[in-house]
């Protein structure tokens, strides 16, 4: 199976954008039923827990105080 790398990048950007913008309909669609996030420290989070945590987070839980630091949605455009 040949998949165009640009397609993969576009899907990943849409997936991340859905999480950043809390678009749960798109996030649900773009995460496989058995999706599991593995963090750099080795902890894991299953799809339902990831989406639930994204939905329930407060807007103040993530701050971008440095003017040089891009927010996640800004980084998606890079």
PDB file of N, CA and C in Angstrom:
ATOM      1  N   UNK A   1       0.839  -1.166   0.000  1.00  0.00           N
ATOM      2  CA  UNK A   1       0.000   0.000   0.000  1.00  0.00           C
ATOM      3  C   UNK A   1       0.892   1.240   0.000  1.00  0.00           C
ATOM      4  N   UNK A   2       0.669   2.116  -0.949  1.00  0.00           N
ATOM      5  CA  UNK A   2       1.402   3.381  -1.018  1.00  0.00           C
ATOM      6  C   UNK A   2       0.514   4.509  -0.541  1.00  0.00           C
ATOM      7  N   UNK A   3       0.981   5.200   0.485  1.00  0.00           N
ATOM      8  CA  UNK A   3       0.249   6.353   0.999  1.00  0.00           C
ATOM      9  C   UNK A   3       1.136   7.569   0.833  1.00  0.00           C
ATOM     10  N   UNK A   4       0.584   8.588   0.219  1.00  0.00           N
ATOM     11  CA  UNK A   4       1.305   9.828   0.007  1.00  0.00           C
ATOM     12  C   UNK A   4       1.659  10.459   1.353  1.00  0.00           C
ATOM     13  N   UNK A   5       2.921  10.779   1.601  1.00  0.00           N
ATOM     14  CA  UNK A   5       3.316  11.387   2.874  1.00  0.00           C
ATOM     15  C   UNK A   5       2.538  12.661   3.202  1.00  0.00           C
ATOM     16  N   UNK A   6       2.191  13.436   2.202  1.00  0.00           N
ATOM     17  CA  UNK A   6       1.425  14.665   2.445  1.00  0.00           C
ATOM     18  C   UNK A   6       0.048  14.342   3.017  1.00  0.00           C
ATOM     19  N   UNK A   7      -0.527  13.233   2.609  1.00  0.00           N
ATOM     20  CA  UNK A   7      -1.825  12.804   3.147  1.00  0.00           C
ATOM     21  C   UNK A   7      -1.702  12.484   4.625  1.00  0.00           C
ATOM     22  N   UNK A   8      -0.639  11.790   4.997  1.00  0.00           N
ATOM     23  CA  UNK A   8      -0.418  11.448   6.405  1.00  0.00           C
ATOM     24  C   UNK A   8      -0.252  12.722   7.229  1.00  0.00           C
ATOM     25  N   UNK A   9       0.529  13.658   6.725  1.00  0.00           N
ATOM     26  CA  UNK A   9       0.746  14.933   7.426  1.00  0.00           C
ATOM     27  C   UNK A   9      -0.579  15.674   7.591  1.00  0.00           C
ATOM     28  N   UNK A  10      -1.383  15.718   6.547  1.00  0.00           N
ATOM     29  CA  UNK A  10      -2.674  16.420   6.620  1.00  0.00           C
ATOM     30  C   UNK A  10      -3.616  15.770   7.623  1.00  0.00           C
ATOM     31  N   UNK A  11      -3.638  14.456   7.674  1.00  0.00           N
ATOM     32  CA  UNK A  11      -4.488  13.749   8.638  1.00  0.00           C
ATOM     33  C   UNK A  11      -4.014  14.030  10.058  1.00  0.00           C
ATOM     34  N   UNK A  12      -2.702  13.987  10.272  1.00  0.00           N
ATOM     35  CA  UNK A  12      -2.157  14.256  11.611  1.00  0.00           C
ATOM     36  C   UNK A  12      -2.448  15.689  12.037  1.00  0.00           C
ATOM     37  N   UNK A  13      -2.336  16.634  11.132  1.00  0.00           N
ATOM     38  CA  UNK A  13      -2.671  18.026  11.464  1.00  0.00           C
ATOM     39  C   UNK A  13      -4.151  18.159  11.827  1.00  0.00           C
ATOM     40  N   UNK A  14      -5.005  17.483  11.093  1.00  0.00           N
ATOM     41  CA  UNK A  14      -6.446  17.527  11.392  1.00  0.00           C
ATOM     42  C   UNK A  14      -6.726  16.891  12.748  1.00  0.00           C
ATOM     43  N   UNK A  15      -6.035  15.799  13.056  1.00  0.00           N
ATOM     44  CA  UNK A  15      -6.208  15.120  14.343  1.00  0.00           C
ATOM     45  C   UNK A  15      -5.796  16.030  15.487  1.00  0.00           C
ATOM     46  N   UNK A  16      -4.629  16.644  15.364  1.00  0.00           N
ATOM     47  CA  UNK A  16      -4.157  17.544  16.409  1.00  0.00           C
ATOM     48  C   UNK A  16      -5.032  18.784  16.534  1.00  0.00           C
ATOM     49  N   UNK A  17      -5.453  19.324  15.396  1.00  0.00           N
ATOM     50  CA  UNK A  17      -6.327  20.502  15.415  1.00  0.00           C
ATOM     51  C   UNK A  17      -7.634  20.169  16.136  1.00  0.00           C
ATOM     52  N   UNK A  18      -8.181  18.996  15.887  1.00  0.00           N
ATOM     53  CA  UNK A  18      -9.427  18.593  16.552  1.00  0.00           C
ATOM     54  C   UNK A  18      -9.242  18.557  18.065  1.00  0.00           C
ATOM     55  N   UNK A  19      -8.097  18.062  18.523  1.00  0.00           N
ATOM     56  CA  UNK A  19      -7.841  18.022  19.966  1.00  0.00           C
ATOM     57  C   UNK A  19      -7.651  19.424  20.533  1.00  0.00           C
ATOM     58  N   UNK A  20      -6.864  20.245  19.852  1.00  0.00           N
ATOM     59  CA  UNK A  20      -6.609  21.609  20.325  1.00  0.00           C
ATOM     60  C   UNK A  20      -7.898  22.421  20.385  1.00  0.00           C
ATOM     61  N   UNK A  21      -8.725  22.268  19.355  1.00  0.00           N
ATOM     62  CA  UNK A  21      -9.967  23.043  19.268  1.00  0.00           C
ATOM     63  C   UNK A  21     -11.144  22.348  19.946  1.00  0.00           C
ATOM     64  N   UNK A  22     -10.893  21.185  20.520  1.00  0.00           N
ATOM     65  CA  UNK A  22     -11.912  20.390  21.207  1.00  0.00           C
ATOM     66  C   UNK A  22     -13.094  20.043  20.294  1.00  0.00           C
ATOM     67  N   UNK A  23     -12.777  19.692  19.066  1.00  0.00           N
ATOM     68  CA  UNK A  23     -13.795  19.240  18.118  1.00  0.00           C
ATOM     69  C   UNK A  23     -13.903  17.732  18.281  1.00  0.00           C
ATOM     70  N   UNK A  24     -14.757  17.319  19.207  1.00  0.00           N
ATOM     71  CA  UNK A  24     -14.813  15.918  19.587  1.00  0.00           C
ATOM     72  C   UNK A  24     -15.370  15.017  18.490  1.00  0.00           C
ATOM     73  N   UNK A  25     -16.200  15.550  17.619  1.00  0.00           N
ATOM     74  CA  UNK A  25     -16.723  14.738  16.514  1.00  0.00           C
ATOM     75  C   UNK A  25     -15.570  14.330  15.599  1.00  0.00           C
ATOM     76  N   UNK A  26     -14.734  15.287  15.246  1.00  0.00           N
ATOM     77  CA  UNK A  26     -13.591  14.989  14.371  1.00  0.00           C
ATOM     78  C   UNK A  26     -12.562  14.147  15.117  1.00  0.00           C
ATOM     79  N   UNK A  27     -12.288  14.480  16.383  1.00  0.00           N
ATOM     80  CA  UNK A  27     -11.315  13.713  17.164  1.00  0.00           C
ATOM     81  C   UNK A  27     -11.735  12.248  17.268  1.00  0.00           C
ATOM     82  N   UNK A  28     -12.995  12.019  17.508  1.00  0.00           N
ATOM     83  CA  UNK A  28     -13.511  10.649  17.615  1.00  0.00           C
ATOM     84  C   UNK A  28     -13.303   9.901  16.302  1.00  0.00           C
ATOM     85  N   UNK A  29     -13.561  10.571  15.197  1.00  0.00           N
ATOM     86  CA  UNK A  29     -13.444   9.952  13.875  1.00  0.00           C
ATOM     87  C   UNK A  29     -11.993   9.662  13.501  1.00  0.00           C
ATOM     88  N   UNK A  30     -11.054  10.533  13.908  1.00  0.00           N
ATOM     89  CA  UNK A  30      -9.666  10.398  13.486  1.00  0.00           C
ATOM     90  C   UNK A  30      -8.808   9.543  14.422  1.00  0.00           C
ATOM     91  N   UNK A  31      -9.391   9.020  15.487  1.00  0.00           N
ATOM     92  CA  UNK A  31      -8.675   8.118  16.382  1.00  0.00           C
ATOM     93  C   UNK A  31      -9.295   6.731  16.272  1.00  0.00           C
ATOM     94  N   UNK A  32      -8.490   5.748  15.952  1.00  0.00           N
ATOM     95  CA  UNK A  32      -8.972   4.368  15.834  1.00  0.00           C
ATOM     96  C   UNK A  32      -9.555   3.909  17.166  1.00  0.00           C
ATOM     97  N   UNK A  33     -10.490   2.968  17.141  1.00  0.00           N
ATOM     98  CA  UNK A  33     -11.084   2.474  18.385  1.00  0.00           C
ATOM     99  C   UNK A  33     -10.037   1.977  19.395  1.00  0.00           C
ATOM    100  N   UNK A  34      -8.940   1.422  18.890  1.00  0.00           N
ATOM    101  CA  UNK A  34      -7.910   0.898  19.793  1.00  0.00           C
ATOM    102  C   UNK A  34      -6.723   1.858  19.946  1.00  0.00           C
ATOM    103  N   UNK A  35      -6.918   3.137  19.590  1.00  0.00           N
ATOM    104  CA  UNK A  35      -5.852   4.132  19.697  1.00  0.00           C
ATOM    105  C   UNK A  35      -5.337   4.200  21.128  1.00  0.00           C
ATOM    106  N   UNK A  36      -4.029   4.318  21.247  1.00  0.00           N
ATOM    107  CA  UNK A  36      -3.413   4.467  22.556  1.00  0.00           C
ATOM    108  C   UNK A  36      -2.234   5.427  22.417  1.00  0.00           C
ATOM    109  N   UNK A  37      -2.273   6.503  23.188  1.00  0.00           N
ATOM    110  CA  UNK A  37      -1.183   7.466  23.217  1.00  0.00           C
ATOM    111  C   UNK A  37      -0.096   6.958  24.156  1.00  0.00           C
ATOM    112  N   UNK A  38       1.138   6.987  23.700  1.00  0.00           N
ATOM    113  CA  UNK A  38       2.267   6.655  24.559  1.00  0.00           C
ATOM    114  C   UNK A  38       3.113   7.918  24.664  1.00  0.00           C
ATOM    115  N   UNK A  39       3.251   8.429  25.896  1.00  0.00           N
ATOM    116  CA  UNK A  39       3.984   9.662  26.124  1.00  0.00           C
ATOM    117  C   UNK A  39       5.488   9.390  26.160  1.00  0.00           C
ATOM    118  N   UNK A  40       6.294  10.447  26.073  1.00  0.00           N
ATOM    119  CA  UNK A  40       7.747  10.248  26.124  1.00  0.00           C
ATOM    120  C   UNK A  40       8.234   9.524  27.391  1.00  0.00           C
ATOM    121  N   UNK A  41       7.497   9.678  28.496  1.00  0.00           N
ATOM    122  CA  UNK A  41       7.935   8.991  29.716  1.00  0.00           C
ATOM    123  C   UNK A  41       7.389   7.563  29.813  1.00  0.00           C
ATOM    124  N   UNK A  42       6.667   7.110  28.777  1.00  0.00           N
ATOM    125  CA  UNK A  42       6.201   5.738  28.726  1.00  0.00           C
ATOM    126  C   UNK A  42       4.804   5.502  29.267  1.00  0.00           C
ATOM    127  N   UNK A  43       4.167   6.539  29.810  1.00  0.00           N
ATOM    128  CA  UNK A  43       2.794   6.342  30.277  1.00  0.00           C
ATOM    129  C   UNK A  43       1.861   6.268  29.073  1.00  0.00           C
ATOM    130  N   UNK A  44       0.718   5.652  29.272  1.00  0.00           N
ATOM    131  CA  UNK A  44      -0.217   5.463  28.164  1.00  0.00           C
ATOM    132  C   UNK A  44      -1.579   6.050  28.500  1.00  0.00           C
ATOM    133  N   UNK A  45      -2.303   6.373  27.454  1.00  0.00           N
ATOM    134  CA  UNK A  45      -3.657   6.886  27.607  1.00  0.00           C
ATOM    135  C   UNK A  45      -4.484   6.355  26.440  1.00  0.00           C
ATOM    136  N   UNK A  46      -5.560   5.651  26.743  1.00  0.00           N
ATOM    137  CA  UNK A  46      -6.431   5.109  25.705  1.00  0.00           C
ATOM    138  C   UNK A  46      -7.292   6.216  25.112  1.00  0.00           C
ATOM    139  N   UNK A  47      -7.841   5.923  23.935  1.00  0.00           N
ATOM    140  CA  UNK A  47      -8.615   6.898  23.176  1.00  0.00           C
ATOM    141  C   UNK A  47      -9.676   7.579  24.029  1.00  0.00           C
ATOM    142  N   UNK A  48     -10.505   6.806  24.708  1.00  0.00           N
ATOM    143  CA  UNK A  48     -11.615   7.419  25.443  1.00  0.00           C
ATOM    144  C   UNK A  48     -11.107   8.339  26.551  1.00  0.00           C
ATOM    145  N   UNK A  49     -10.009   7.972  27.184  1.00  0.00           N
ATOM    146  CA  UNK A  49      -9.445   8.815  28.250  1.00  0.00           C
ATOM    147  C   UNK A  49      -8.821  10.086  27.669  1.00  0.00           C
ATOM    148  N   UNK A  50      -8.135   9.965  26.536  1.00  0.00           N
ATOM    149  CA  UNK A  50      -7.536  11.120  25.875  1.00  0.00           C
ATOM    150  C   UNK A  50      -8.613  12.119  25.459  1.00  0.00           C
ATOM    151  N   UNK A  51      -9.645  11.635  24.803  1.00  0.00           N
ATOM    152  CA  UNK A  51     -10.698  12.519  24.325  1.00  0.00           C
ATOM    153  C   UNK A  51     -11.462  13.115  25.498  1.00  0.00           C
ATOM    154  N   UNK A  52     -11.717  12.337  26.514  1.00  0.00           N
ATOM    155  CA  UNK A  52     -12.401  12.845  27.702  1.00  0.00           C
ATOM    156  C   UNK A  52     -11.572  13.935  28.384  1.00  0.00           C
ATOM    157  N   UNK A  53     -10.272  13.703  28.530  1.00  0.00           N
ATOM    158  CA  UNK A  53      -9.401  14.697  29.162  1.00  0.00           C
ATOM    159  C   UNK A  53      -9.337  15.967  28.320  1.00  0.00           C
ATOM    160  N   UNK A  54      -9.336  15.816  27.007  1.00  0.00           N
ATOM    161  CA  UNK A  54      -9.316  16.976  26.118  1.00  0.00           C
ATOM    162  C   UNK A  54     -10.597  17.780  26.271  1.00  0.00           C
ATOM    163  N   UNK A  55     -11.714  17.100  26.306  1.00  0.00           N
ATOM    164  CA  UNK A  55     -13.008  17.763  26.422  1.00  0.00           C
ATOM    165  C   UNK A  55     -13.143  18.486  27.765  1.00  0.00           C
ATOM    166  N   UNK A  56     -12.639  17.867  28.821  1.00  0.00           N
ATOM    167  CA  UNK A  56     -12.826  18.396  30.171  1.00  0.00           C
ATOM    168  C   UNK A  56     -11.762  19.383  30.630  1.00  0.00           C
ATOM    169  N   UNK A  57     -10.718  19.596  29.842  1.00  0.00           N
ATOM    170  CA  UNK A  57      -9.667  20.505  30.293  1.00  0.00           C
ATOM    171  C   UNK A  57     -10.187  21.936  30.336  1.00  0.00           C
ATOM    172  N   UNK A  58      -9.653  22.709  31.255  1.00  0.00           N
ATOM    173  CA  UNK A  58     -10.030  24.113  31.310  1.00  0.00           C
ATOM    174  C   UNK A  58      -9.120  24.889  30.368  1.00  0.00           C
ATOM    175  N   UNK A  59      -9.604  25.975  29.830  1.00  0.00           N
ATOM    176  CA  UNK A  59      -8.796  26.779  28.920  1.00  0.00           C
ATOM    177  C   UNK A  59      -7.561  27.331  29.609  1.00  0.00           C
ATOM    178  N   UNK A  60      -7.619  27.471  30.929  1.00  0.00           N
ATOM    179  CA  UNK A  60      -6.471  28.013  31.655  1.00  0.00           C
ATOM    180  C   UNK A  60      -5.437  26.941  31.980  1.00  0.00           C
ATOM    181  N   UNK A  61      -5.736  25.682  31.643  1.00  0.00           N
ATOM    182  CA  UNK A  61      -4.791  24.614  31.978  1.00  0.00           C
ATOM    183  C   UNK A  61      -3.548  24.654  31.109  1.00  0.00           C
ATOM    184  N   UNK A  62      -3.632  25.321  29.983  1.00  0.00           N
ATOM    185  CA  UNK A  62      -2.479  25.457  29.105  1.00  0.00           C
ATOM    186  C   UNK A  62      -2.260  26.930  28.850  1.00  0.00           C
ATOM    187  N   UNK A  63      -1.095  27.404  29.219  1.00  0.00           N
ATOM    188  CA  UNK A  63      -0.808  28.804  28.952  1.00  0.00           C
ATOM    189  C   UNK A  63       0.443  28.911  28.108  1.00  0.00           C
ATOM    190  N   UNK A  64       0.465  29.887  27.266  1.00  0.00           N
ATOM    191  CA  UNK A  64       1.592  30.147  26.398  1.00  0.00           C
ATOM    192  C   UNK A  64       2.028  31.579  26.672  1.00  0.00           C
ATOM    193  N   UNK A  65       2.844  31.734  27.729  1.00  0.00           N
ATOM    194  CA  UNK A  65       3.181  33.068  28.187  1.00  0.00           C
ATOM    195  C   UNK A  65       4.331  33.689  27.412  1.00  0.00           C
ATOM    196  N   UNK A  66       5.177  32.885  26.813  1.00  0.00           N
ATOM    197  CA  UNK A  66       6.302  33.433  26.083  1.00  0.00           C
ATOM    198  C   UNK A  66       5.856  33.859  24.693  1.00  0.00           C
ATOM    199  N   UNK A  67       6.133  35.103  24.312  1.00  0.00           N
ATOM    200  CA  UNK A  67       5.729  35.549  22.973  1.00  0.00           C
ATOM    201  C   UNK A  67       6.357  34.724  21.868  1.00  0.00           C
ATOM    202  N   UNK A  68       7.521  34.129  22.141  1.00  0.00           N
ATOM    203  CA  UNK A  68       8.179  33.345  21.104  1.00  0.00           C
ATOM    204  C   UNK A  68       7.651  31.918  21.032  1.00  0.00           C
ATOM    205  N   UNK A  69       6.856  31.514  22.020  1.00  0.00           N
ATOM    206  CA  UNK A  69       6.333  30.148  22.051  1.00  0.00           C
ATOM    207  C   UNK A  69       5.010  30.104  21.309  1.00  0.00           C
ATOM    208  N   UNK A  70       4.919  29.255  20.325  1.00  0.00           N
ATOM    209  CA  UNK A  70       3.689  29.130  19.561  1.00  0.00           C
ATOM    210  C   UNK A  70       2.713  28.242  20.297  1.00  0.00           C
ATOM    211  N   UNK A  71       1.428  28.560  20.174  1.00  0.00           N
ATOM    212  CA  UNK A  71       0.398  27.682  20.717  1.00  0.00           C
ATOM    213  C   UNK A  71       0.287  26.460  19.820  1.00  0.00           C
ATOM    214  N   UNK A  72      -0.332  25.382  20.302  1.00  0.00           N
ATOM    215  CA  UNK A  72      -0.463  24.182  19.451  1.00  0.00           C
ATOM    216  C   UNK A  72      -1.150  24.457  18.122  1.00  0.00           C
ATOM    217  N   UNK A  73      -2.184  25.287  18.122  1.00  0.00           N
ATOM    218  CA  UNK A  73      -2.873  25.532  16.844  1.00  0.00           C
ATOM    219  C   UNK A  73      -2.010  26.337  15.904  1.00  0.00           C
ATOM    220  N   UNK A  74      -1.155  27.234  16.425  1.00  0.00           N
ATOM    221  CA  UNK A  74      -0.234  27.975  15.562  1.00  0.00           C
ATOM    222  C   UNK A  74       0.802  27.043  14.964  1.00  0.00           C
ATOM    223  N   UNK A  75       1.288  26.070  15.741  1.00  0.00           N
ATOM    224  CA  UNK A  75       2.299  25.139  15.249  1.00  0.00           C
ATOM    225  C   UNK A  75       1.735  24.259  14.137  1.00  0.00           C
ATOM    226  N   UNK A  76       0.434  24.039  14.129  1.00  0.00           N
ATOM    227  CA  UNK A  76      -0.171  23.201  13.098  1.00  0.00           C
ATOM    228  C   UNK A  76      -0.012  23.817  11.715  1.00  0.00           C
ATOM    229  N   UNK A  77       0.059  25.135  11.666  1.00  0.00           N
ATOM    230  CA  UNK A  77       0.145  25.827  10.388  1.00  0.00           C
ATOM    231  C   UNK A  77       1.555  25.811   9.816  1.00  0.00           C
ATOM    232  N   UNK A  78       2.537  25.450  10.625  1.00  0.00           N
ATOM    233  CA  UNK A  78       3.950  25.462  10.182  1.00  0.00           C
ATOM    234  C   UNK A  78       4.223  24.384   9.162  1.00  0.00           C
TER     235      UNK A  78
END
